[in-house]
PDB file of N, CA and C in Angstrom:
ATOM      1  N   MET A   1      76.995  92.679 106.566  1.00  0.00           N
ATOM      2  CA  MET A   1      76.865  94.083 106.889  1.00  0.00           C
ATOM      3  C   MET A   1      78.189  94.593 107.456  1.00  0.00           C
ATOM      4  N   ILE A   2      78.534  95.811 107.080  1.00  0.00           N
ATOM      5  CA  ILE A   2      79.714  96.487 107.610  1.00  0.00           C
ATOM      6  C   ILE A   2      79.218  97.575 108.546  1.00  0.00           C
ATOM      7  N   THR A   3      79.798  97.639 109.728  1.00  0.00           N
ATOM      8  CA  THR A   3      79.482  98.704 110.669  1.00  0.00           C
ATOM      9  C   THR A   3      80.746  99.506 110.936  1.00  0.00           C
ATOM     10  N   GLY A   4      80.552 100.723 111.407  1.00  0.00           N
ATOM     11  CA  GLY A   4      81.706 101.538 111.715  1.00  0.00           C
ATOM     12  C   GLY A   4      81.316 102.824 112.397  1.00  0.00           C
ATOM     13  N   GLY A   5      82.310 103.633 112.670  1.00  0.00           N
ATOM     14  CA  GLY A   5      82.054 104.900 113.324  1.00  0.00           C
ATOM     15  C   GLY A   5      83.348 105.585 113.726  1.00  0.00           C
ATOM     16  N   CYS A   6      83.170 106.614 114.515  1.00  0.00           N
ATOM     17  CA  CYS A   6      84.299 107.436 114.939  1.00  0.00           C
ATOM     18  C   CYS A   6      84.967 106.854 116.185  1.00  0.00           C
ATOM     19  N   LEU A   7      86.036 107.460 116.609  1.00  0.00           N
ATOM     20  CA  LEU A   7      86.814 106.992 117.754  1.00  0.00           C
ATOM     21  C   LEU A   7      86.014 107.020 119.055  1.00  0.00           C
ATOM     22  N   CYS A   8      85.218 108.063 119.270  1.00  0.00           N
ATOM     23  CA  CYS A   8      84.501 108.202 120.544  1.00  0.00           C
ATOM     24  C   CYS A   8      83.119 107.559 120.537  1.00  0.00           C
ATOM     25  N   GLY A   9      82.611 107.135 119.375  1.00  0.00           N
ATOM     26  CA  GLY A   9      81.317 106.479 119.291  1.00  0.00           C
ATOM     27  C   GLY A   9      80.134 107.412 119.078  1.00  0.00           C
ATOM     28  N   ALA A  10      80.380 108.703 118.905  1.00  0.00           N
ATOM     29  CA  ALA A  10      79.291 109.662 118.696  1.00  0.00           C
ATOM     30  C   ALA A  10      78.698 109.577 117.291  1.00  0.00           C
ATOM     31  N   VAL A  11      79.413 108.935 116.362  1.00  0.00           N
ATOM     32  CA  VAL A  11      78.913 108.709 115.003  1.00  0.00           C
ATOM     33  C   VAL A  11      79.049 107.229 114.705  1.00  0.00           C
ATOM     34  N   ARG A  12      77.960 106.619 114.230  1.00  0.00           N
ATOM     35  CA  ARG A  12      77.950 105.216 113.845  1.00  0.00           C
ATOM     36  C   ARG A  12      77.209 105.074 112.528  1.00  0.00           C
ATOM     37  N   TYR A  13      77.612 104.108 111.712  1.00  0.00           N
ATOM     38  CA  TYR A  13      76.952 103.862 110.427  1.00  0.00           C
ATOM     39  C   TYR A  13      76.893 102.378 110.139  1.00  0.00           C
ATOM     40  N   GLU A  14      76.057 102.043 109.152  1.00  0.00           N
ATOM     41  CA  GLU A  14      75.927 100.673 108.665  1.00  0.00           C
ATOM     42  C   GLU A  14      75.951 100.680 107.143  1.00  0.00           C
ATOM     43  N   ILE A  15      76.598  99.669 106.585  1.00  0.00           N
ATOM     44  CA  ILE A  15      76.619  99.450 105.143  1.00  0.00           C
ATOM     45  C   ILE A  15      76.035  98.060 104.912  1.00  0.00           C
ATOM     46  N   THR A  16      74.907  98.002 104.213  1.00  0.00           N
ATOM     47  CA  THR A  16      74.239  96.715 104.012  1.00  0.00           C
ATOM     48  C   THR A  16      74.514  96.115 102.638  1.00  0.00           C
ATOM     49  N   GLY A  17      75.330  96.783 101.851  1.00  0.00           N
ATOM     50  CA  GLY A  17      75.687  96.289 100.522  1.00  0.00           C
ATOM     51  C   GLY A  17      77.183  96.319 100.346  1.00  0.00           C
ATOM     52  N   GLU A  18      77.585  96.428  99.107  1.00  0.00           N
ATOM     53  CA  GLU A  18      78.999  96.374  98.751  1.00  0.00           C
ATOM     54  C   GLU A  18      79.708  97.702  98.992  1.00  0.00           C
ATOM     55  N   ALA A  19      80.900  97.618  99.528  1.00  0.00           N
ATOM     56  CA  ALA A  19      81.819  98.748  99.618  1.00  0.00           C
ATOM     57  C   ALA A  19      82.937  98.498  98.615  1.00  0.00           C
ATOM     58  N   GLN A  20      83.187  99.450  97.744  1.00  0.00           N
ATOM     59  CA  GLN A  20      84.219  99.305  96.714  1.00  0.00           C
ATOM     60  C   GLN A  20      85.619  99.329  97.332  1.00  0.00           C
ATOM     61  N   ALA A  21      86.571  98.768  96.632  1.00  0.00           N
ATOM     62  CA  ALA A  21      87.957  98.828  97.073  1.00  0.00           C
ATOM     63  C   ALA A  21      88.367 100.292  97.195  1.00  0.00           C
ATOM     64  N   PRO A  22      89.013 100.666  98.275  1.00  0.00           N
ATOM     65  CA  PRO A  22      89.330 102.074  98.505  1.00  0.00           C
ATOM     66  C   PRO A  22      90.459 102.603  97.622  1.00  0.00           C
ATOM     67  N   SER A  23      90.375 103.919  97.399  1.00  0.00           N
ATOM     68  CA  SER A  23      91.444 104.675  96.749  1.00  0.00           C
ATOM     69  C   SER A  23      92.112 105.540  97.806  1.00  0.00           C
ATOM     70  N   ALA A  24      93.400 105.724  97.685  1.00  0.00           N
ATOM     71  CA  ALA A  24      94.141 106.615  98.583  1.00  0.00           C
ATOM     72  C   ALA A  24      94.321 107.951  97.880  1.00  0.00           C
ATOM     73  N   CYS A  25      93.814 109.014  98.497  1.00  0.00           N
ATOM     74  CA  CYS A  25      93.911 110.339  97.899  1.00  0.00           C
ATOM     75  C   CYS A  25      95.000 111.141  98.591  1.00  0.00           C
ATOM     76  N   HIS A  26      95.890 111.710  97.780  1.00  0.00           N
ATOM     77  CA  HIS A  26      97.035 112.458  98.276  1.00  0.00           C
ATOM     78  C   HIS A  26      96.902 113.959  98.023  1.00  0.00           C
ATOM     79  N   CYS A  27      95.686 114.444  97.710  1.00  0.00           N
ATOM     80  CA  CYS A  27      95.501 115.881  97.471  1.00  0.00           C
ATOM     81  C   CYS A  27      95.717 116.656  98.772  1.00  0.00           C
ATOM     82  N   SER A  28      95.930 117.938  98.661  1.00  0.00           N
ATOM     83  CA  SER A  28      96.235 118.743  99.848  1.00  0.00           C
ATOM     84  C   SER A  28      95.073 118.768 100.837  1.00  0.00           C
ATOM     85  N   GLN A  29      93.835 118.778 100.353  1.00  0.00           N
ATOM     86  CA  GLN A  29      92.701 118.778 101.282  1.00  0.00           C
ATOM     87  C   GLN A  29      92.631 117.475 102.077  1.00  0.00           C
ATOM     88  N   CYS A  30      92.785 116.354 101.413  1.00  0.00           N
ATOM     89  CA  CYS A  30      92.748 115.067 102.115  1.00  0.00           C
ATOM     90  C   CYS A  30      93.908 114.936 103.090  1.00  0.00           C
ATOM     91  N   ARG A  31      95.075 115.432 102.690  1.00  0.00           N
ATOM     92  CA  ARG A  31      96.218 115.382 103.602  1.00  0.00           C
ATOM     93  C   ARG A  31      95.950 116.212 104.852  1.00  0.00           C
ATOM     94  N   LYS A  32      95.355 117.370 104.672  1.00  0.00           N
ATOM     95  CA  LYS A  32      95.100 118.239 105.828  1.00  0.00           C
ATOM     96  C   LYS A  32      93.991 117.715 106.733  1.00  0.00           C
ATOM     97  N   THR A  33      92.968 117.092 106.168  1.00  0.00           N
ATOM     98  CA  THR A  33      91.878 116.595 107.015  1.00  0.00           C
ATOM     99  C   THR A  33      92.216 115.277 107.693  1.00  0.00           C
ATOM    100  N   SER A  34      93.171 114.529 107.143  1.00  0.00           N
ATOM    101  CA  SER A  34      93.488 113.215 107.708  1.00  0.00           C
ATOM    102  C   SER A  34      94.800 113.187 108.482  1.00  0.00           C
ATOM    103  N   GLY A  35      95.678 114.113 108.198  1.00  0.00           N
ATOM    104  CA  GLY A  35      96.998 114.081 108.815  1.00  0.00           C
ATOM    105  C   GLY A  35      98.024 113.311 107.999  1.00  0.00           C
ATOM    106  N   HIS A  36      97.625 112.759 106.886  1.00  0.00           N
ATOM    107  CA  HIS A  36      98.536 112.027 105.991  1.00  0.00           C
ATOM    108  C   HIS A  36      97.855 111.971 104.632  1.00  0.00           C
ATOM    109  N   PHE A  37      97.505 110.806 104.108  1.00  0.00           N
ATOM    110  CA  PHE A  37      96.619 110.722 102.949  1.00  0.00           C
ATOM    111  C   PHE A  37      95.318 110.107 103.436  1.00  0.00           C
ATOM    112  N   TRP A  38      94.262 110.244 102.646  1.00  0.00           N
ATOM    113  CA  TRP A  38      92.951 109.738 103.063  1.00  0.00           C
ATOM    114  C   TRP A  38      92.520 108.624 102.128  1.00  0.00           C
ATOM    115  N   ALA A  39      92.108 107.508 102.699  1.00  0.00           N
ATOM    116  CA  ALA A  39      91.584 106.395 101.902  1.00  0.00           C
ATOM    117  C   ALA A  39      90.068 106.402 102.003  1.00  0.00           C
ATOM    118  N   GLY A  40      89.399 106.222 100.873  1.00  0.00           N
ATOM    119  CA  GLY A  40      87.948 106.210 100.848  1.00  0.00           C
ATOM    120  C   GLY A  40      87.414 105.065 100.013  1.00  0.00           C
ATOM    121  N   SER A  41      86.383 104.426 100.535  1.00  0.00           N
ATOM    122  CA  SER A  41      85.712 103.318  99.866  1.00  0.00           C
ATOM    123  C   SER A  41      84.321 103.782  99.447  1.00  0.00           C
ATOM    124  N   SER A  42      84.021 103.749  98.158  1.00  0.00           N
ATOM    125  CA  SER A  42      82.728 104.210  97.654  1.00  0.00           C
ATOM    126  C   SER A  42      81.612 103.249  98.043  1.00  0.00           C
ATOM    127  N   VAL A  43      80.516 103.840  98.548  1.00  0.00           N
ATOM    128  CA  VAL A  43      79.355 103.074  98.983  1.00  0.00           C
ATOM    129  C   VAL A  43      78.110 103.781  98.454  1.00  0.00           C
ATOM    130  N   LYS A  44      77.247 103.055  97.758  1.00  0.00           N
ATOM    131  CA  LYS A  44      75.996 103.631  97.236  1.00  0.00           C
ATOM    132  C   LYS A  44      75.112 104.101  98.384  1.00  0.00           C
ATOM    133  N   HIS A  45      74.431 105.233  98.168  1.00  0.00           N
ATOM    134  CA  HIS A  45      73.552 105.794  99.192  1.00  0.00           C
ATOM    135  C   HIS A  45      72.491 104.809  99.671  1.00  0.00           C
ATOM    136  N   ASP A  46      71.965 103.996  98.774  1.00  0.00           N
ATOM    137  CA  ASP A  46      70.854 103.122  99.162  1.00  0.00           C
ATOM    138  C   ASP A  46      71.269 101.960 100.071  1.00  0.00           C
ATOM    139  N   VAL A  47      72.572 101.744 100.280  1.00  0.00           N
ATOM    140  CA  VAL A  47      73.024 100.697 101.198  1.00  0.00           C
ATOM    141  C   VAL A  47      73.804 101.277 102.386  1.00  0.00           C
ATOM    142  N   PHE A  48      73.782 102.591 102.506  1.00  0.00           N
ATOM    143  CA  PHE A  48      74.513 103.293 103.560  1.00  0.00           C
ATOM    144  C   PHE A  48      73.531 104.015 104.481  1.00  0.00           C
ATOM    145  N   LYS A  49      73.725 103.834 105.784  1.00  0.00           N
ATOM    146  CA  LYS A  49      72.834 104.488 106.744  1.00  0.00           C
ATOM    147  C   LYS A  49      73.628 104.952 107.962  1.00  0.00           C
ATOM    148  N   ILE A  50      73.456 106.207 108.310  1.00  0.00           N
ATOM    149  CA  ILE A  50      74.031 106.719 109.551  1.00  0.00           C
ATOM    150  C   ILE A  50      73.032 106.394 110.659  1.00  0.00           C
ATOM    151  N   VAL A  51      73.461 105.614 111.634  1.00  0.00           N
ATOM    152  CA  VAL A  51      72.555 105.180 112.700  1.00  0.00           C
ATOM    153  C   VAL A  51      72.719 105.990 113.980  1.00  0.00           C
ATOM    154  N   LYS A  52      73.798 106.733 114.091  1.00  0.00           N
ATOM    155  CA  LYS A  52      74.004 107.639 115.220  1.00  0.00           C
ATOM    156  C   LYS A  52      74.797 108.834 114.715  1.00  0.00           C
ATOM    157  N   ASP A  53      74.242 110.022 114.872  1.00  0.00           N
ATOM    158  CA  ASP A  53      74.910 111.210 114.323  1.00  0.00           C
ATOM    159  C   ASP A  53      75.133 112.300 115.360  1.00  0.00           C
ATOM    160  N   ASP A  54      75.240 111.923 116.638  1.00  0.00           N
ATOM    161  CA  ASP A  54      75.402 112.908 117.712  1.00  0.00           C
ATOM    162  C   ASP A  54      76.577 113.851 117.479  1.00  0.00           C
ATOM    163  N   GLY A  55      77.695 113.341 116.973  1.00  0.00           N
ATOM    164  CA  GLY A  55      78.875 114.168 116.766  1.00  0.00           C
ATOM    165  C   GLY A  55      79.134 114.546 115.321  1.00  0.00           C
ATOM    166  N   LEU A  56      78.259 114.115 114.398  1.00  0.00           N
ATOM    167  CA  LEU A  56      78.527 114.312 112.976  1.00  0.00           C
ATOM    168  C   LEU A  56      78.439 115.781 112.589  1.00  0.00           C
ATOM    169  N   LYS A  57      79.454 116.231 111.901  1.00  0.00           N
ATOM    170  CA  LYS A  57      79.514 117.591 111.367  1.00  0.00           C
ATOM    171  C   LYS A  57      79.975 117.482 109.923  1.00  0.00           C
ATOM    172  N   TRP A  58      79.322 118.230 109.046  1.00  0.00           N
ATOM    173  CA  TRP A  58      79.716 118.263 107.633  1.00  0.00           C
ATOM    174  C   TRP A  58      80.407 119.585 107.358  1.00  0.00           C
ATOM    175  N   PHE A  59      81.523 119.519 106.665  1.00  0.00           N
ATOM    176  CA  PHE A  59      82.293 120.705 106.271  1.00  0.00           C
ATOM    177  C   PHE A  59      82.298 120.788 104.755  1.00  0.00           C
ATOM    178  N   THR A  60      81.839 121.896 104.198  1.00  0.00           N
ATOM    179  CA  THR A  60      81.875 122.113 102.751  1.00  0.00           C
ATOM    180  C   THR A  60      83.304 122.498 102.386  1.00  0.00           C
ATOM    181  N   SER A  61      84.028 121.562 101.812  1.00  0.00           N
ATOM    182  CA  SER A  61      85.451 121.768 101.543  1.00  0.00           C
ATOM    183  C   SER A  61      85.734 122.319 100.146  1.00  0.00           C
ATOM    184  N   SER A  62      84.722 122.335  99.289  1.00  0.00           N
ATOM    185  CA  SER A  62      84.876 122.876  97.936  1.00  0.00           C
ATOM    186  C   SER A  62      83.488 123.134  97.370  1.00  0.00           C
ATOM    187  N   ASP A  63      83.442 123.652  96.171  1.00  0.00           N
ATOM    188  CA  ASP A  63      82.163 123.890  95.514  1.00  0.00           C
ATOM    189  C   ASP A  63      81.477 122.583  95.112  1.00  0.00           C
ATOM    190  N   TRP A  64      82.217 121.474  95.078  1.00  0.00           N
ATOM    191  CA  TRP A  64      81.683 120.216  94.569  1.00  0.00           C
ATOM    192  C   TRP A  64      81.589 119.103  95.624  1.00  0.00           C
ATOM    193  N   ALA A  65      82.045 119.347  96.860  1.00  0.00           N
ATOM    194  CA  ALA A  65      82.055 118.255  97.832  1.00  0.00           C
ATOM    195  C   ALA A  65      82.054 118.752  99.271  1.00  0.00           C
ATOM    196  N   LYS A  66      81.712 117.823 100.162  1.00  0.00           N
ATOM    197  CA  LYS A  66      81.758 118.090 101.598  1.00  0.00           C
ATOM    198  C   LYS A  66      82.388 116.892 102.293  1.00  0.00           C
ATOM    199  N   ARG A  67      82.822 117.103 103.515  1.00  0.00           N
ATOM    200  CA  ARG A  67      83.494 116.075 104.301  1.00  0.00           C
ATOM    201  C   ARG A  67      82.788 115.913 105.638  1.00  0.00           C
ATOM    202  N   GLY A  68      82.575 114.669 106.042  1.00  0.00           N
ATOM    203  CA  GLY A  68      81.928 114.386 107.310  1.00  0.00           C
ATOM    204  C   GLY A  68      82.942 113.926 108.334  1.00  0.00           C
ATOM    205  N   PHE A  69      82.854 114.498 109.517  1.00  0.00           N
ATOM    206  CA  PHE A  69      83.766 114.142 110.586  1.00  0.00           C
ATOM    207  C   PHE A  69      83.050 114.227 111.925  1.00  0.00           C
ATOM    208  N   CYS A  70      83.652 113.694 112.961  1.00  0.00           N
ATOM    209  CA  CYS A  70      83.088 113.790 114.297  1.00  0.00           C
ATOM    210  C   CYS A  70      83.611 115.049 114.947  1.00  0.00           C
ATOM    211  N   GLN A  71      82.707 115.916 115.340  1.00  0.00           N
ATOM    212  CA  GLN A  71      83.112 117.169 115.968  1.00  0.00           C
ATOM    213  C   GLN A  71      83.575 116.960 117.419  1.00  0.00           C
ATOM    214  N   ASP A  72      83.355 115.771 117.973  1.00  0.00           N
ATOM    215  CA  ASP A  72      83.792 115.492 119.340  1.00  0.00           C
ATOM    216  C   ASP A  72      85.216 114.953 119.388  1.00  0.00           C
ATOM    217  N   CYS A  73      85.520 113.928 118.577  1.00  0.00           N
ATOM    218  CA  CYS A  73      86.852 113.313 118.628  1.00  0.00           C
ATOM    219  C   CYS A  73      87.737 113.657 117.430  1.00  0.00           C
ATOM    220  N   GLY A  74      87.148 114.226 116.364  1.00  0.00           N
ATOM    221  CA  GLY A  74      87.929 114.641 115.202  1.00  0.00           C
ATOM    222  C   GLY A  74      88.111 113.601 114.117  1.00  0.00           C
ATOM    223  N   SER A  75      87.524 112.434 114.269  1.00  0.00           N
ATOM    224  CA  SER A  75      87.679 111.381 113.252  1.00  0.00           C
ATOM    225  C   SER A  75      87.153 111.833 111.895  1.00  0.00           C
ATOM    226  N   SER A  76      87.961 111.637 110.864  1.00  0.00           N
ATOM    227  CA  SER A  76      87.568 111.917 109.484  1.00  0.00           C
ATOM    228  C   SER A  76      86.879 110.672 108.946  1.00  0.00           C
ATOM    229  N   LEU A  77      85.589 110.808 108.555  1.00  0.00           N
ATOM    230  CA  LEU A  77      84.776 109.639 108.245  1.00  0.00           C
ATOM    231  C   LEU A  77      84.305 109.536 106.806  1.00  0.00           C
ATOM    232  N   PHE A  78      83.835 110.658 106.222  1.00  0.00           N
ATOM    233  CA  PHE A  78      83.143 110.612 104.936  1.00  0.00           C
ATOM    234  C   PHE A  78      83.603 111.724 103.997  1.00  0.00           C
ATOM    235  N   TYR A  79      83.485 111.435 102.704  1.00  0.00           N
ATOM    236  CA  TYR A  79      83.680 112.429 101.648  1.00  0.00           C
ATOM    237  C   TYR A  79      82.499 112.275 100.706  1.00  0.00           C
ATOM    238  N   GLN A  80      81.786 113.347 100.437  1.00  0.00           N
ATOM    239  CA  GLN A  80      80.572 113.271  99.627  1.00  0.00           C
ATOM    240  C   GLN A  80      80.607 114.328  98.524  1.00  0.00           C
ATOM    241  N   MET A  81      80.650 113.875  97.275  1.00  0.00           N
ATOM    242  CA  MET A  81      80.546 114.794  96.150  1.00  0.00           C
ATOM    243  C   MET A  81      79.084 115.175  95.971  1.00  0.00           C
ATOM    244  N   ASN A  82      78.815 116.417  95.602  1.00  0.00           N
ATOM    245  CA  ASN A  82      77.447 116.931  95.522  1.00  0.00           C
ATOM    246  C   ASN A  82      76.578 116.215  94.497  1.00  0.00           C
ATOM    247  N   THR A  83      77.161 115.733  93.429  1.00  0.00           N
ATOM    248  CA  THR A  83      76.370 115.195  92.318  1.00  0.00           C
ATOM    249  C   THR A  83      76.452 113.679  92.177  1.00  0.00           C
ATOM    250  N   GLU A  84      77.026 112.988  93.135  1.00  0.00           N
ATOM    251  CA  GLU A  84      77.192 111.543  93.026  1.00  0.00           C
ATOM    252  C   GLU A  84      76.169 110.801  93.885  1.00  0.00           C
ATOM    253  N   ASP A  85      75.895 109.560  93.537  1.00  0.00           N
ATOM    254  CA  ASP A  85      74.933 108.754  94.287  1.00  0.00           C
ATOM    255  C   ASP A  85      75.639 107.802  95.261  1.00  0.00           C
ATOM    256  N   TYR A  86      76.823 108.173  95.686  1.00  0.00           N
ATOM    257  CA  TYR A  86      77.564 107.384  96.650  1.00  0.00           C
ATOM    258  C   TYR A  86      78.278 108.310  97.630  1.00  0.00           C
ATOM    259  N   VAL A  87      78.673 107.742  98.742  1.00  0.00           N
ATOM    260  CA  VAL A  87      79.492 108.440  99.725  1.00  0.00           C
ATOM    261  C   VAL A  87      80.795 107.663  99.838  1.00  0.00           C
ATOM    262  N   SER A  88      81.877 108.367 100.036  1.00  0.00           N
ATOM    263  CA  SER A  88      83.164 107.729 100.237  1.00  0.00           C
ATOM    264  C   SER A  88      83.373 107.596 101.747  1.00  0.00           C
ATOM    265  N   VAL A  89      83.571 106.371 102.210  1.00  0.00           N
ATOM    266  CA  VAL A  89      83.679 106.064 103.636  1.00  0.00           C
ATOM    267  C   VAL A  89      85.109 105.637 103.944  1.00  0.00           C
ATOM    268  N   SER A  90      85.648 106.154 105.025  1.00  0.00           N
ATOM    269  CA  SER A  90      86.993 105.756 105.436  1.00  0.00           C
ATOM    270  C   SER A  90      87.000 104.303 105.889  1.00  0.00           C
ATOM    271  N   PRO A  91      87.758 103.426 105.233  1.00  0.00           N
ATOM    272  CA  PRO A  91      87.815 102.037 105.689  1.00  0.00           C
ATOM    273  C   PRO A  91      88.464 101.925 107.072  1.00  0.00           C
ATOM    274  N   ALA A  92      89.260 102.910 107.453  1.00  0.00           N
ATOM    275  CA  ALA A  92      89.864 102.908 108.789  1.00  0.00           C
ATOM    276  C   ALA A  92      88.811 103.083 109.875  1.00  0.00           C
ATOM    277  N   SER A  93      87.648 103.639 109.516  1.00  0.00           N
ATOM    278  CA  SER A  93      86.575 103.827 110.493  1.00  0.00           C
ATOM    279  C   SER A  93      85.653 102.614 110.590  1.00  0.00           C
ATOM    280  N   MET A  94      85.866 101.622 109.741  1.00  0.00           N
ATOM    281  CA  MET A  94      85.024 100.411 109.763  1.00  0.00           C
ATOM    282  C   MET A  94      85.465  99.508 110.909  1.00  0.00           C
ATOM    283  N   ASP A  95      84.496  98.901 111.576  1.00  0.00           N
ATOM    284  CA  ASP A  95      84.824  97.976 112.660  1.00  0.00           C
ATOM    285  C   ASP A  95      85.611  96.779 112.128  1.00  0.00           C
ATOM    286  N   ASP A  96      85.289  96.333 110.935  1.00  0.00           N
ATOM    287  CA  ASP A  96      86.009  95.251 110.272  1.00  0.00           C
ATOM    288  C   ASP A  96      85.882  95.482 108.771  1.00  0.00           C
ATOM    289  N   ALA A  97      86.963  95.873 108.137  1.00  0.00           N
ATOM    290  CA  ALA A  97      86.942  96.167 106.702  1.00  0.00           C
ATOM    291  C   ALA A  97      86.983  94.895 105.853  1.00  0.00           C
ATOM    292  N   GLY A  98      87.011  93.752 106.487  1.00  0.00           N
ATOM    293  CA  GLY A  98      86.966  92.489 105.748  1.00  0.00           C
ATOM    294  C   GLY A  98      88.111  92.353 104.769  1.00  0.00           C
ATOM    295  N   ASP A  99      87.777  92.024 103.531  1.00  0.00           N
ATOM    296  CA  ASP A  99      88.806  91.801 102.519  1.00  0.00           C
ATOM    297  C   ASP A  99      89.048  93.026 101.637  1.00  0.00           C
ATOM    298  N   LEU A 100      88.592  94.197 102.059  1.00  0.00           N
ATOM    299  CA  LEU A 100      88.870  95.411 101.276  1.00  0.00           C
ATOM    300  C   LEU A 100      90.374  95.643 101.201  1.00  0.00           C
ATOM    301  N   ARG A 101      90.856  95.960 100.017  1.00  0.00           N
ATOM    302  CA  ARG A 101      92.269  96.265  99.816  1.00  0.00           C
ATOM    303  C   ARG A 101      92.373  97.496  98.932  1.00  0.00           C
ATOM    304  N   LEU A 102      93.330  98.337  99.227  1.00  0.00           N
ATOM    305  CA  LEU A 102      93.579  99.545  98.457  1.00  0.00           C
ATOM    306  C   LEU A 102      93.754  99.189  96.985  1.00  0.00           C
ATOM    307  N   LYS A 103      93.100  99.985  96.086  1.00  0.00           N
ATOM    308  CA  LYS A 103      93.198  99.659  94.661  1.00  0.00           C
ATOM    309  C   LYS A 103      94.073 100.622  93.869  1.00  0.00           C
ATOM    310  N   ARG A 104      94.231 101.868  94.373  1.00  0.00           N
ATOM    311  CA  ARG A 104      95.014 102.851  93.608  1.00  0.00           C
ATOM    312  C   ARG A 104      95.291 104.073  94.473  1.00  0.00           C
ATOM    313  N   HIS A 105      96.190 104.904  93.949  1.00  0.00           N
ATOM    314  CA  HIS A 105      96.507 106.197  94.558  1.00  0.00           C
ATOM    315  C   HIS A 105      96.074 107.277  93.572  1.00  0.00           C
ATOM    316  N   ILE A 106      95.394 108.306  94.086  1.00  0.00           N
ATOM    317  CA  ILE A 106      94.976 109.417  93.226  1.00  0.00           C
ATOM    318  C   ILE A 106      95.562 110.726  93.748  1.00  0.00           C
ATOM    319  N   PHE A 107      95.643 111.695  92.854  1.00  0.00           N
ATOM    320  CA  PHE A 107      96.232 113.005  93.138  1.00  0.00           C
ATOM    321  C   PHE A 107      97.665 112.886  93.657  1.00  0.00           C
ATOM    322  N   VAL A 108      98.423 111.942  93.091  1.00  0.00           N
ATOM    323  CA  VAL A 108      99.810 111.768  93.526  1.00  0.00           C
ATOM    324  C   VAL A 108     100.674 112.953  93.130  1.00  0.00           C
ATOM    325  N   LYS A 109     100.213 113.749  92.188  1.00  0.00           N
ATOM    326  CA  LYS A 109     100.923 114.978  91.826  1.00  0.00           C
ATOM    327  C   LYS A 109     101.025 115.923  93.029  1.00  0.00           C
ATOM    328  N   ASP A 110     100.045 115.843  93.927  1.00  0.00           N
ATOM    329  CA  ASP A 110     100.000 116.726  95.098  1.00  0.00           C
ATOM    330  C   ASP A 110     100.544 116.074  96.364  1.00  0.00           C
ATOM    331  N   LYS A 111     101.087 114.878  96.243  1.00  0.00           N
ATOM    332  CA  LYS A 111     101.609 114.141  97.390  1.00  0.00           C
ATOM    333  C   LYS A 111     102.675 114.953  98.127  1.00  0.00           C
ATOM    334  N   ALA A 112     102.710 114.815  99.445  1.00  0.00           N
ATOM    335  CA  ALA A 112     103.746 115.472 100.243  1.00  0.00           C
ATOM    336  C   ALA A 112     105.109 114.830  99.962  1.00  0.00           C
ATOM    337  N   ASP A 113     106.169 115.571 100.187  1.00  0.00           N
ATOM    338  CA  ASP A 113     107.516 115.082  99.898  1.00  0.00           C
ATOM    339  C   ASP A 113     108.090 114.146 100.962  1.00  0.00           C
ATOM    340  N   TYR A 114     107.483 114.082 102.132  1.00  0.00           N
ATOM    341  CA  TYR A 114     108.082 113.330 103.238  1.00  0.00           C
ATOM    342  C   TYR A 114     107.886 111.815 103.152  1.00  0.00           C
ATOM    343  N   TYR A 115     107.144 111.321 102.163  1.00  0.00           N
ATOM    344  CA  TYR A 115     106.954 109.876 102.035  1.00  0.00           C
ATOM    345  C   TYR A 115     106.960 109.472 100.570  1.00  0.00           C
ATOM    346  N   ASP A 116     107.206 108.176 100.356  1.00  0.00           N
ATOM    347  CA  ASP A 116     107.182 107.587  99.031  1.00  0.00           C
ATOM    348  C   ASP A 116     106.030 106.589  98.956  1.00  0.00           C
ATOM    349  N   ILE A 117     105.543 106.361  97.751  1.00  0.00           N
ATOM    350  CA  ILE A 117     104.527 105.330  97.519  1.00  0.00           C
ATOM    351  C   ILE A 117     105.249 104.161  96.862  1.00  0.00           C
ATOM    352  N   GLY A 118     105.320 103.038  97.540  1.00  0.00           N
ATOM    353  CA  GLY A 118     106.085 101.917  97.019  1.00  0.00           C
ATOM    354  C   GLY A 118     105.338 100.596  97.020  1.00  0.00           C
ATOM    355  N   ASP A 119     104.000 100.656  96.992  1.00  0.00           N
ATOM    356  CA  ASP A 119     103.230  99.414  97.076  1.00  0.00           C
ATOM    357  C   ASP A 119     102.916  98.789  95.725  1.00  0.00           C
ATOM    358  N   GLY A 120     103.315  99.452  94.622  1.00  0.00           N
ATOM    359  CA  GLY A 120     103.108  98.892  93.296  1.00  0.00           C
ATOM    360  C   GLY A 120     101.724  99.095  92.712  1.00  0.00           C
ATOM    361  N   LEU A 121     100.829  99.753  93.436  1.00  0.00           N
ATOM    362  CA  LEU A 121      99.483 100.011  92.929  1.00  0.00           C
ATOM    363  C   LEU A 121      99.504 101.160  91.920  1.00  0.00           C
ATOM    364  N   PRO A 122      98.503 101.242  91.057  1.00  0.00           N
ATOM    365  CA  PRO A 122      98.450 102.349  90.095  1.00  0.00           C
ATOM    366  C   PRO A 122      98.476 103.700  90.805  1.00  0.00           C
ATOM    367  N   GLN A 123      99.196 104.636  90.162  1.00  0.00           N
ATOM    368  CA  GLN A 123      99.296 105.998  90.679  1.00  0.00           C
ATOM    369  C   GLN A 123      98.784 106.947  89.611  1.00  0.00           C
ATOM    370  N   ILE A 124      97.726 107.660  89.945  1.00  0.00           N
ATOM    371  CA  ILE A 124      97.093 108.596  89.013  1.00  0.00           C
ATOM    372  C   ILE A 124      97.451 110.015  89.448  1.00  0.00           C
ATOM    373  N   GLU A 125      97.991 110.813  88.522  1.00  0.00           N
ATOM    374  CA  GLU A 125      98.457 112.149  88.889  1.00  0.00           C
ATOM    375  C   GLU A 125      97.364 113.031  89.461  1.00  0.00           C
ATOM    376  N   THR A 126      96.176 113.018  88.853  1.00  0.00           N
ATOM    377  CA  THR A 126      95.053 113.818  89.379  1.00  0.00           C
ATOM    378  C   THR A 126      93.918 112.848  89.692  1.00  0.00           C
ATOM    379  N   TYR A 127      92.843 112.885  88.904  1.00  0.00           N
ATOM    380  CA  TYR A 127      91.771 111.921  89.099  1.00  0.00           C
ATOM    381  C   TYR A 127      91.066 111.667  87.803  1.00  0.00           C
TER     382      TYR A 127
END
């Protein structure tokens, strides 16, 4: 089982199944909500459970998705597309991400100019 939550502890979750290798998203929305780029690991709804939601706030960031964060400490935790059966969970919010490793970069066309991507992983211009 993978457990995790926000910085202040007002949001906690459990993952009882597999978490996919995360993708790093460099789109402008992810950059603005995270302060850099945002990494997300896809987790099926049936193995994901929020066990404490005292600080959880959902923000509708587009017509197709919303973002979950802690309204108390500001931690960016989740990305949820409206029509998908999974939630994207920040591996940085996991208590122990185990052997999860970044698998690719997406929306690199929108990447900020102040950094380079040099890890050799696939880079996808959009998605």
